[in-house]
PDB file of N, CA and C in Angstrom:
ATOM      1  N   UNK A   1      88.376 112.515  65.766  1.00  0.00           N
ATOM      2  CA  UNK A   1      89.146 112.422  66.992  1.00  0.00           C
ATOM      3  C   UNK A   1      88.623 113.473  67.974  1.00  0.00           C
ATOM      4  N   UNK A   2      88.431 113.078  69.206  1.00  0.00           N
ATOM      5  CA  UNK A   2      87.937 114.014  70.211  1.00  0.00           C
ATOM      6  C   UNK A   2      89.084 114.804  70.819  1.00  0.00           C
ATOM      7  N   UNK A   3      88.796 116.033  71.143  1.00  0.00           N
ATOM      8  CA  UNK A   3      89.799 116.917  71.748  1.00  0.00           C
ATOM      9  C   UNK A   3      89.683 116.841  73.269  1.00  0.00           C
ATOM     10  N   UNK A   4      90.821 116.846  73.923  1.00  0.00           N
ATOM     11  CA  UNK A   4      90.820 116.897  75.384  1.00  0.00           C
ATOM     12  C   UNK A   4      90.664 118.339  75.825  1.00  0.00           C
ATOM     13  N   UNK A   5      89.806 118.552  76.785  1.00  0.00           N
ATOM     14  CA  UNK A   5      89.645 119.891  77.346  1.00  0.00           C
ATOM     15  C   UNK A   5      90.620 120.030  78.509  1.00  0.00           C
ATOM     16  N   UNK A   6      91.575 120.902  78.365  1.00  0.00           N
ATOM     17  CA  UNK A   6      92.582 121.099  79.403  1.00  0.00           C
ATOM     18  C   UNK A   6      92.354 122.428  80.090  1.00  0.00           C
ATOM     19  N   UNK A   7      92.645 122.450  81.346  1.00  0.00           N
ATOM     20  CA  UNK A   7      92.557 123.701  82.081  1.00  0.00           C
ATOM     21  C   UNK A   7      93.654 123.730  83.130  1.00  0.00           C
ATOM     22  N   UNK A   8      94.064 124.909  83.476  1.00  0.00           N
ATOM     23  CA  UNK A   8      95.135 125.089  84.441  1.00  0.00           C
ATOM     24  C   UNK A   8      94.528 125.232  85.842  1.00  0.00           C
ATOM     25  N   UNK A   9      95.089 124.518  86.794  1.00  0.00           N
ATOM     26  CA  UNK A   9      94.614 124.599  88.171  1.00  0.00           C
ATOM     27  C   UNK A   9      94.999 125.953  88.754  1.00  0.00           C
ATOM     28  N   UNK A  10      94.067 126.558  89.476  1.00  0.00           N
ATOM     29  CA  UNK A  10      94.342 127.857  90.083  1.00  0.00           C
ATOM     30  C   UNK A  10      95.153 127.728  91.361  1.00  0.00           C
ATOM     31  N   UNK A  11      94.888 126.691  92.129  1.00  0.00           N
ATOM     32  CA  UNK A  11      95.567 126.492  93.409  1.00  0.00           C
ATOM     33  C   UNK A  11      96.572 125.351  93.291  1.00  0.00           C
ATOM     34  N   UNK A  12      97.667 125.423  94.033  1.00  0.00           N
ATOM     35  CA  UNK A  12      98.634 124.324  94.001  1.00  0.00           C
ATOM     36  C   UNK A  12      98.030 123.047  94.596  1.00  0.00           C
ATOM     37  N   UNK A  13      98.606 121.930  94.239  1.00  0.00           N
ATOM     38  CA  UNK A  13      98.114 120.629  94.692  1.00  0.00           C
ATOM     39  C   UNK A  13      98.023 120.556  96.211  1.00  0.00           C
ATOM     40  N   UNK A  14      99.043 121.061  96.904  1.00  0.00           N
ATOM     41  CA  UNK A  14      99.056 120.994  98.367  1.00  0.00           C
ATOM     42  C   UNK A  14      97.844 121.712  98.964  1.00  0.00           C
ATOM     43  N   UNK A  15      97.504 122.866  98.416  1.00  0.00           N
ATOM     44  CA  UNK A  15      96.369 123.642  98.925  1.00  0.00           C
ATOM     45  C   UNK A  15      95.053 122.919  98.654  1.00  0.00           C
ATOM     46  N   UNK A  16      94.930 122.314  97.469  1.00  0.00           N
ATOM     47  CA  UNK A  16      93.699 121.584  97.152  1.00  0.00           C
ATOM     48  C   UNK A  16      93.530 120.368  98.050  1.00  0.00           C
ATOM     49  N   UNK A  17      94.624 119.652  98.307  1.00  0.00           N
ATOM     50  CA  UNK A  17      94.550 118.488  99.183  1.00  0.00           C
ATOM     51  C   UNK A  17      94.232 118.889 100.624  1.00  0.00           C
ATOM     52  N   UNK A  18      94.818 119.967 101.100  1.00  0.00           N
ATOM     53  CA  UNK A  18      94.545 120.437 102.462  1.00  0.00           C
ATOM     54  C   UNK A  18      93.080 120.865 102.591  1.00  0.00           C
ATOM     55  N   UNK A  19      92.545 121.527 101.574  1.00  0.00           N
ATOM     56  CA  UNK A  19      91.145 121.951 101.607  1.00  0.00           C
ATOM     57  C   UNK A  19      90.220 120.742 101.594  1.00  0.00           C
ATOM     58  N   UNK A  20      90.567 119.728 100.818  1.00  0.00           N
ATOM     59  CA  UNK A  20      89.750 118.506 100.768  1.00  0.00           C
ATOM     60  C   UNK A  20      89.775 117.799 102.122  1.00  0.00           C
ATOM     61  N   UNK A  21      90.933 117.747 102.750  1.00  0.00           N
ATOM     62  CA  UNK A  21      91.040 117.115 104.071  1.00  0.00           C
ATOM     63  C   UNK A  21      90.178 117.862 105.092  1.00  0.00           C
ATOM     64  N   UNK A  22      90.219 119.181 105.051  1.00  0.00           N
ATOM     65  CA  UNK A  22      89.416 119.996 105.972  1.00  0.00           C
ATOM     66  C   UNK A  22      87.931 119.761 105.736  1.00  0.00           C
ATOM     67  N   UNK A  23      87.525 119.722 104.474  1.00  0.00           N
ATOM     68  CA  UNK A  23      86.114 119.499 104.139  1.00  0.00           C
ATOM     69  C   UNK A  23      85.646 118.132 104.631  1.00  0.00           C
ATOM     70  N   UNK A  24      86.473 117.112 104.431  1.00  0.00           N
ATOM     71  CA  UNK A  24      86.105 115.765 104.867  1.00  0.00           C
ATOM     72  C   UNK A  24      85.994 115.682 106.392  1.00  0.00           C
ATOM     73  N   UNK A  25      86.912 116.337 107.102  1.00  0.00           N
ATOM     74  CA  UNK A  25      86.840 116.321 108.571  1.00  0.00           C
ATOM     75  C   UNK A  25      85.585 117.023 109.073  1.00  0.00           C
ATOM     76  N   UNK A  26      85.226 118.144 108.447  1.00  0.00           N
ATOM     77  CA  UNK A  26      84.011 118.858 108.852  1.00  0.00           C
ATOM     78  C   UNK A  26      82.767 118.022 108.587  1.00  0.00           C
ATOM     79  N   UNK A  27      82.729 117.332 107.457  1.00  0.00           N
ATOM     80  CA  UNK A  27      81.581 116.468 107.151  1.00  0.00           C
ATOM     81  C   UNK A  27      81.515 115.298 108.119  1.00  0.00           C
ATOM     82  N   UNK A  28      82.674 114.742 108.470  1.00  0.00           N
ATOM     83  CA  UNK A  28      82.713 113.586 109.373  1.00  0.00           C
ATOM     84  C   UNK A  28      82.182 113.945 110.763  1.00  0.00           C
ATOM     85  N   UNK A  29      82.358 115.211 111.175  1.00  0.00           N
ATOM     86  CA  UNK A  29      81.849 115.626 112.484  1.00  0.00           C
ATOM     87  C   UNK A  29      80.326 115.608 112.535  1.00  0.00           C
ATOM     88  N   UNK A  30      79.687 115.743 111.378  1.00  0.00           N
ATOM     89  CA  UNK A  30      78.228 115.843 111.324  1.00  0.00           C
ATOM     90  C   UNK A  30      77.520 114.499 111.301  1.00  0.00           C
ATOM     91  N   UNK A  31      78.235 113.418 111.027  1.00  0.00           N
ATOM     92  CA  UNK A  31      77.579 112.117 110.958  1.00  0.00           C
ATOM     93  C   UNK A  31      77.972 111.264 112.161  1.00  0.00           C
ATOM     94  N   UNK A  32      77.107 110.340 112.539  1.00  0.00           N
ATOM     95  CA  UNK A  32      77.388 109.504 113.720  1.00  0.00           C
ATOM     96  C   UNK A  32      78.548 108.540 113.451  1.00  0.00           C
ATOM     97  N   UNK A  33      79.199 108.080 114.527  1.00  0.00           N
ATOM     98  CA  UNK A  33      80.302 107.127 114.358  1.00  0.00           C
ATOM     99  C   UNK A  33      79.836 105.892 113.588  1.00  0.00           C
ATOM    100  N   UNK A  34      80.710 105.415 112.745  1.00  0.00           N
ATOM    101  CA  UNK A  34      80.405 104.241 111.935  1.00  0.00           C
ATOM    102  C   UNK A  34      81.383 104.123 110.782  1.00  0.00           C
ATOM    103  N   UNK A  35      81.064 103.220 109.867  1.00  0.00           N
ATOM    104  CA  UNK A  35      81.950 102.947 108.744  1.00  0.00           C
ATOM    105  C   UNK A  35      82.104 104.156 107.824  1.00  0.00           C
ATOM    106  N   UNK A  36      81.016 104.873 107.574  1.00  0.00           N
ATOM    107  CA  UNK A  36      81.078 106.027 106.679  1.00  0.00           C
ATOM    108  C   UNK A  36      81.973 107.111 107.258  1.00  0.00           C
ATOM    109  N   UNK A  37      81.826 107.364 108.546  1.00  0.00           N
ATOM    110  CA  UNK A  37      82.654 108.385 109.198  1.00  0.00           C
ATOM    111  C   UNK A  37      84.120 107.974 109.189  1.00  0.00           C
ATOM    112  N   UNK A  38      84.380 106.703 109.490  1.00  0.00           N
ATOM    113  CA  UNK A  38      85.757 106.209 109.476  1.00  0.00           C
ATOM    114  C   UNK A  38      86.388 106.348 108.097  1.00  0.00           C
ATOM    115  N   UNK A  39      85.602 106.078 107.057  1.00  0.00           N
ATOM    116  CA  UNK A  39      86.102 106.204 105.685  1.00  0.00           C
ATOM    117  C   UNK A  39      86.434 107.658 105.363  1.00  0.00           C
ATOM    118  N   UNK A  40      85.594 108.587 105.796  1.00  0.00           N
ATOM    119  CA  UNK A  40      85.865 110.015 105.555  1.00  0.00           C
ATOM    120  C   UNK A  40      87.136 110.456 106.261  1.00  0.00           C
ATOM    121  N   UNK A  41      87.310 110.023 107.495  1.00  0.00           N
ATOM    122  CA  UNK A  41      88.513 110.394 108.243  1.00  0.00           C
ATOM    123  C   UNK A  41      89.767 109.774 107.621  1.00  0.00           C
ATOM    124  N   UNK A  42      89.634 108.556 107.098  1.00  0.00           N
ATOM    125  CA  UNK A  42      90.759 107.906 106.427  1.00  0.00           C
ATOM    126  C   UNK A  42      91.149 108.689 105.177  1.00  0.00           C
ATOM    127  N   UNK A  43      90.152 109.109 104.401  1.00  0.00           N
ATOM    128  CA  UNK A  43      90.432 109.893 103.198  1.00  0.00           C
ATOM    129  C   UNK A  43      91.048 111.243 103.555  1.00  0.00           C
ATOM    130  N   UNK A  44      90.627 111.831 104.667  1.00  0.00           N
ATOM    131  CA  UNK A  44      91.205 113.107 105.104  1.00  0.00           C
ATOM    132  C   UNK A  44      92.681 112.918 105.450  1.00  0.00           C
ATOM    133  N   UNK A  45      93.010 111.840 106.155  1.00  0.00           N
ATOM    134  CA  UNK A  45      94.409 111.557 106.486  1.00  0.00           C
ATOM    135  C   UNK A  45      95.238 111.322 105.223  1.00  0.00           C
ATOM    136  N   UNK A  46      94.654 110.619 104.245  1.00  0.00           N
ATOM    137  CA  UNK A  46      95.364 110.380 102.989  1.00  0.00           C
ATOM    138  C   UNK A  46      95.644 111.687 102.255  1.00  0.00           C
ATOM    139  N   UNK A  47      94.671 112.583 102.247  1.00  0.00           N
ATOM    140  CA  UNK A  47      94.854 113.876 101.575  1.00  0.00           C
ATOM    141  C   UNK A  47      95.952 114.679 102.269  1.00  0.00           C
ATOM    142  N   UNK A  48      95.965 114.668 103.596  1.00  0.00           N
ATOM    143  CA  UNK A  48      97.006 115.388 104.337  1.00  0.00           C
ATOM    144  C   UNK A  48      98.385 114.790 104.059  1.00  0.00           C
ATOM    145  N   UNK A  49      98.463 113.476 104.025  1.00  0.00           N
ATOM    146  CA  UNK A  49      99.729 112.807 103.742  1.00  0.00           C
ATOM    147  C   UNK A  49     100.201 113.136 102.329  1.00  0.00           C
ATOM    148  N   UNK A  50      99.281 113.142 101.380  1.00  0.00           N
ATOM    149  CA  UNK A  50      99.624 113.500 100.008  1.00  0.00           C
ATOM    150  C   UNK A  50     100.145 114.919  99.905  1.00  0.00           C
ATOM    151  N   UNK A  51      99.527 115.839 100.632  1.00  0.00           N
ATOM    152  CA  UNK A  51      99.980 117.233 100.619  1.00  0.00           C
ATOM    153  C   UNK A  51     101.387 117.344 101.200  1.00  0.00           C
ATOM    154  N   UNK A  52     101.632 116.621 102.294  1.00  0.00           N
ATOM    155  CA  UNK A  52     102.954 116.659 102.918  1.00  0.00           C
ATOM    156  C   UNK A  52     104.014 116.055 102.000  1.00  0.00           C
ATOM    157  N   UNK A  53     103.679 114.947 101.331  1.00  0.00           N
ATOM    158  CA  UNK A  53     104.635 114.308 100.422  1.00  0.00           C
ATOM    159  C   UNK A  53     104.944 115.217  99.236  1.00  0.00           C
ATOM    160  N   UNK A  54     103.923 115.853  98.687  1.00  0.00           N
ATOM    161  CA  UNK A  54     104.130 116.745  97.559  1.00  0.00           C
ATOM    162  C   UNK A  54     105.006 117.924  97.957  1.00  0.00           C
ATOM    163  N   UNK A  55     104.750 118.462  99.141  1.00  0.00           N
ATOM    164  CA  UNK A  55     105.568 119.574  99.645  1.00  0.00           C
ATOM    165  C   UNK A  55     107.011 119.131  99.840  1.00  0.00           C
ATOM    166  N   UNK A  56     107.193 117.931 100.384  1.00  0.00           N
ATOM    167  CA  UNK A  56     108.538 117.401 100.604  1.00  0.00           C
ATOM    168  C   UNK A  56     109.268 117.204  99.277  1.00  0.00           C
ATOM    169  N   UNK A  57     108.565 116.674  98.273  1.00  0.00           N
ATOM    170  CA  UNK A  57     109.194 116.441  96.978  1.00  0.00           C
ATOM    171  C   UNK A  57     109.594 117.732  96.280  1.00  0.00           C
ATOM    172  N   UNK A  58     108.878 118.812  96.548  1.00  0.00           N
ATOM    173  CA  UNK A  58     109.196 120.103  95.944  1.00  0.00           C
ATOM    174  C   UNK A  58     110.256 120.878  96.717  1.00  0.00           C
ATOM    175  N   UNK A  59     110.642 120.390  97.882  1.00  0.00           N
ATOM    176  CA  UNK A  59     111.578 121.138  98.720  1.00  0.00           C
ATOM    177  C   UNK A  59     112.945 121.233  98.046  1.00  0.00           C
ATOM    178  N   UNK A  60     113.625 122.371  98.235  1.00  0.00           N
ATOM    179  CA  UNK A  60     114.932 122.548  97.584  1.00  0.00           C
ATOM    180  C   UNK A  60     116.023 121.675  98.196  1.00  0.00           C
ATOM    181  N   UNK A  61     115.806 121.164  99.388  1.00  0.00           N
ATOM    182  CA  UNK A  61     116.831 120.334 100.032  1.00  0.00           C
ATOM    183  C   UNK A  61     116.897 118.923  99.488  1.00  0.00           C
ATOM    184  N   UNK A  62     115.892 118.508  98.753  1.00  0.00           N
ATOM    185  CA  UNK A  62     115.860 117.153  98.195  1.00  0.00           C
ATOM    186  C   UNK A  62     116.826 117.087  97.025  1.00  0.00           C
ATOM    187  N   UNK A  63     117.767 116.164  97.081  1.00  0.00           N
ATOM    188  CA  UNK A  63     118.771 116.036  96.042  1.00  0.00           C
ATOM    189  C   UNK A  63     118.558 114.741  95.265  1.00  0.00           C
ATOM    190  N   UNK A  64     118.801 114.749  93.955  1.00  0.00           N
ATOM    191  CA  UNK A  64     118.669 113.524  93.180  1.00  0.00           C
ATOM    192  C   UNK A  64     119.795 112.542  93.546  1.00  0.00           C
ATOM    193  N   UNK A  65     119.546 111.247  93.401  1.00  0.00           N
ATOM    194  CA  UNK A  65     120.615 110.273  93.704  1.00  0.00           C
ATOM    195  C   UNK A  65     121.760 110.386  92.716  1.00  0.00           C
ATOM    196  N   UNK A  66     122.968 110.071  93.175  1.00  0.00           N
ATOM    197  CA  UNK A  66     124.160 110.133  92.294  1.00  0.00           C
ATOM    198  C   UNK A  66     124.336 108.848  91.536  1.00  0.00           C
TER     199      UNK A  66
END
């Protein structure tokens, strides 16, 4: 049986997603307009949305349904 190699993330998910979004936006600025650039910008928006959703889900104001 193979063992899974587990490791603990150093940065929270929100920070990793925000960094990925920033990296994708910087890369998109370097390439000419087209499908590849649009795809990078779409992925950057998805990463930002994911970070915002994760932050919202962790907020103390969120209450479970009764």
